[in-house]
Amino acid sequence: MKEFTHVINDPLGMHARPAGMLVKAVAPYASKVTVTAPTGTADARRLMALMKLAAKQGMELTITVEGDDEEKAAAELKAFLEANL
């Protein structure tokens, strides 16, 4: 299991566009990816679950990656979040 944190920098928080991009970024990986915010926990493959977190700017997210390709998935998702959210 790999775990890392990310603080949301986007002034609009995790709105529909970056949440949709995250769902697409997670899709190629076999690993289970979970996003935990102070408002709850969501499966990163489910757009509505991510939107329900209502993650705002400055909120810290904890991303947990579990599975066969967790090393690669965690590294690439961390880079994705830093560039897009």
Protein backbone atom coordinates (compact mmCIF):
# COMPACT_ATOMS: atom_id res chain seq x y z
CA MET A 1 0.00 0.00 0.00
CA LYS A 2 1.24 3.46 -0.95
CA GLU A 3 -0.10 6.65 0.58
CA PHE A 4 0.59 10.34 0.03
CA THR A 5 -1.04 13.67 0.76
CA HIS A 6 -1.89 16.56 -1.51
CA VAL A 7 -3.16 20.04 -0.60
CA ILE A 8 -5.64 21.45 -3.13
CA ASN A 9 -4.26 24.59 -4.76
CA ASP A 10 -7.03 25.19 -7.31
CA PRO A 11 -9.07 28.23 -6.16
CA LEU A 12 -12.27 26.40 -7.18
CA GLY A 13 -11.38 23.22 -5.30
CA MET A 14 -12.11 19.82 -6.79
CA HIS A 15 -14.87 20.80 -9.19
CA ALA A 16 -16.21 18.69 -12.07
CA ARG A 17 -13.36 19.17 -14.54
CA PRO A 18 -10.41 18.12 -12.31
CA ALA A 19 -12.50 15.37 -10.70
CA GLY A 20 -13.27 13.97 -14.16
CA MET A 21 -9.62 14.23 -15.12
CA LEU A 22 -8.68 12.32 -11.95
CA VAL A 23 -11.15 9.54 -12.78
CA LYS A 24 -9.56 9.25 -16.25
CA ALA A 25 -6.04 9.32 -14.76
CA VAL A 26 -6.88 6.42 -12.41
CA ALA A 27 -8.55 4.28 -15.10
CA PRO A 28 -5.42 2.62 -16.57
CA TYR A 29 -4.28 1.23 -13.22
CA ALA A 30 -5.31 -2.08 -11.68
CA SER A 31 -4.76 -0.72 -8.16
CA LYS A 32 -7.58 0.52 -5.97
CA VAL A 33 -7.24 4.28 -5.43
CA THR A 34 -9.01 5.95 -2.51
CA VAL A 35 -9.21 9.69 -1.82
CA THR A 36 -9.79 10.79 1.76
CA ALA A 37 -10.68 14.37 2.66
CA PRO A 38 -11.88 15.89 5.95
CA THR A 39 -15.39 15.54 4.50
CA GLY A 40 -15.21 11.80 3.74
CA THR A 41 -13.69 9.06 1.60
CA ALA A 42 -14.24 8.27 -2.08
CA ASP A 43 -13.24 5.70 -4.66
CA ALA A 44 -11.20 7.67 -7.23
CA ARG A 45 -12.90 5.79 -10.08
CA ARG A 46 -16.31 7.28 -9.21
CA LEU A 47 -16.89 10.86 -10.33
CA MET A 48 -19.95 11.47 -8.16
CA ALA A 49 -18.19 10.11 -5.08
CA LEU A 50 -15.30 12.54 -5.67
CA MET A 51 -17.70 15.44 -6.19
CA LYS A 52 -19.52 14.55 -2.96
CA LEU A 53 -16.29 15.21 -1.02
CA ALA A 54 -16.79 18.93 -1.78
CA ALA A 55 -13.02 19.40 -1.47
CA LYS A 56 -12.10 23.10 -1.32
CA GLN A 57 -8.85 25.02 -1.84
CA GLY A 58 -6.41 24.43 1.03
CA MET A 59 -7.96 21.09 2.01
CA GLU A 60 -5.55 18.19 2.47
CA LEU A 61 -6.35 14.99 0.63
CA THR A 62 -4.86 11.61 1.47
CA ILE A 63 -4.53 9.31 -1.52
CA THR A 64 -4.16 5.59 -0.87
CA VAL A 65 -3.12 3.22 -3.67
CA GLU A 66 -3.32 -0.55 -3.20
CA GLY A 67 -2.58 -3.20 -5.80
CA ASP A 68 -0.13 -4.76 -8.21
CA ASP A 69 0.92 -1.50 -9.87
CA GLU A 70 0.73 0.72 -6.77
CA GLU A 71 4.30 2.05 -7.08
CA LYS A 72 3.80 3.37 -10.60
CA ALA A 73 0.21 4.50 -9.97
CA ALA A 74 1.10 6.45 -6.81
CA ALA A 75 4.03 8.24 -8.47
CA GLU A 76 2.05 9.18 -11.57
CA LEU A 77 -1.08 10.22 -9.65
CA LYS A 78 1.00 12.40 -7.33
CA ALA A 79 2.48 14.17 -10.36
CA PHE A 80 -1.00 14.48 -11.89
CA LEU A 81 -2.45 16.10 -8.75
CA GLU A 82 0.45 18.54 -8.42
CA ALA A 83 -0.04 19.64 -12.03
CA ASN A 84 -3.84 19.81 -12.09
CA LEU A 85 -5.26 20.35 -8.63
